[in-house]
Each structure stands twice: as C-alpha cells, then as structure tokens.
Protein backbone atom coordinates (compact mmCIF):
# COMPACT_ATOMS: atom_id res chain seq x y z
CA MET A 1 -99.02 256.70 59.00
CA GLU A 2 -95.34 256.54 59.97
CA THR A 3 -95.28 252.61 59.05
CA GLU A 4 -96.14 253.41 55.65
CA SER A 5 -93.82 256.36 55.29
CA SER A 6 -91.10 253.95 56.76
CA LEU A 7 -92.04 251.19 54.24
CA ASP A 8 -91.81 253.80 51.38
CA ALA A 9 -88.62 254.95 52.68
CA ALA A 10 -87.22 251.25 52.83
CA ALA A 11 -88.69 250.43 49.38
CA ALA A 12 -87.13 253.40 47.83
CA ALA A 13 -83.71 252.73 49.42
CA VAL A 14 -83.98 249.13 48.11
CA ALA A 15 -84.85 250.53 44.41
CA ALA A 16 -81.98 253.06 44.96
CA ALA A 17 -79.55 250.41 45.95
CA ARG A 18 -80.83 247.98 43.07
CA HIS A 19 -80.24 250.75 40.66
CA ALA A 20 -76.76 251.58 41.85
CA ARG A 21 -75.94 248.08 41.41
CA PHE A 22 -77.36 246.87 38.28
CA GLY A 23 -78.04 249.99 36.60
CA ARG A 24 -80.65 250.05 33.76
CA LEU A 25 -81.64 247.09 31.31
CA PRO A 26 -80.01 247.04 27.87
CA ASP A 27 -82.24 248.48 25.20
CA ARG A 28 -84.71 246.49 23.30
CA ILE A 29 -83.47 244.32 20.55
CA GLN A 30 -85.81 245.16 17.31
CA PHE A 31 -86.88 242.49 15.30
CA HIS A 32 -85.25 243.72 12.03
CA GLU A 33 -82.01 243.69 14.12
CA MET A 34 -82.53 239.70 14.84
CA VAL A 35 -83.45 238.46 11.02
CA GLU A 36 -81.18 238.25 8.18
CA GLU A 37 -82.89 238.16 4.95
CA LYS A 38 -80.95 236.14 1.89
CA VAL A 39 -81.83 235.68 -1.49
CA ALA A 40 -83.06 232.31 -2.51
CA GLU A 41 -80.68 230.40 -4.81
CA PRO A 42 -82.07 228.84 -8.03
CA ASN A 43 -82.93 224.98 -7.51
CA ALA A 44 -80.41 222.85 -8.97
CA SER A 45 -82.79 220.21 -10.54
CA GLY A 46 -79.94 218.43 -12.04
CA ILE A 47 -78.39 217.60 -8.90
CA ALA A 48 -81.42 216.66 -6.93
CA SER A 49 -83.22 214.74 -9.68
CA TYR A 50 -84.73 211.19 -8.77
CA ASN A 51 -82.92 208.35 -10.21
CA PRO A 52 -85.01 204.93 -9.72
CA GLU A 53 -82.26 202.48 -10.89
CA GLY A 54 -79.82 204.09 -8.29
CA SER A 55 -82.23 204.60 -5.42
CA TRP A 56 -82.00 201.24 -4.01
CA ASN A 57 -78.50 201.80 -2.81
CA HIS A 58 -79.89 204.51 -0.46
CA PHE A 59 -81.89 202.29 1.74
CA SER A 60 -80.57 199.53 4.12
CA CYS A 61 -83.08 196.34 4.04
CA LEU A 62 -82.20 193.23 5.55
CA ALA A 63 -83.99 191.40 2.68
CA LEU A 64 -81.69 192.77 0.29
CA ASP A 65 -78.67 192.15 2.45
CA LEU A 66 -79.67 188.39 2.82
CA GLY A 67 -80.38 188.19 -0.85
CA LEU A 68 -84.18 187.48 -0.48
C-alpha cells in the first residue's frame, strides 16, 4: 500500500509541476471562427469565352514549331 500512495504522490507532484510550467491549454477554436464566407462574384463570361481561332497560340507543339 505504501508504494501505491508514494506513486500517487509522485504522479500528483509531476502533474502539479507540469501545470505550473505550462499552465492550461488554450481554448478550442470553433469551426465558425476558422471559416470565412464570401459572396460569389458573377461569372465574367465575356472574358473567359472560348476562341477557337486564337486557342492554338496557348499550346506549345513541336510539330507546329517545325512547320509540319
């Protein structure tokens, strides 16, 4: 029985020393504090429209570079 009480006292001393050194953990961050909501902007369809005649200059092709 004496070893159990001495172990309990030692564990309590270690816990007290840990608490004195580190204090307590910070409060948990809530999910709504981590997330930022933004309103979606309308699609700029004029800017992102597909142009088949000008699309060739966006790709690098060895055959086109060599004139094949």
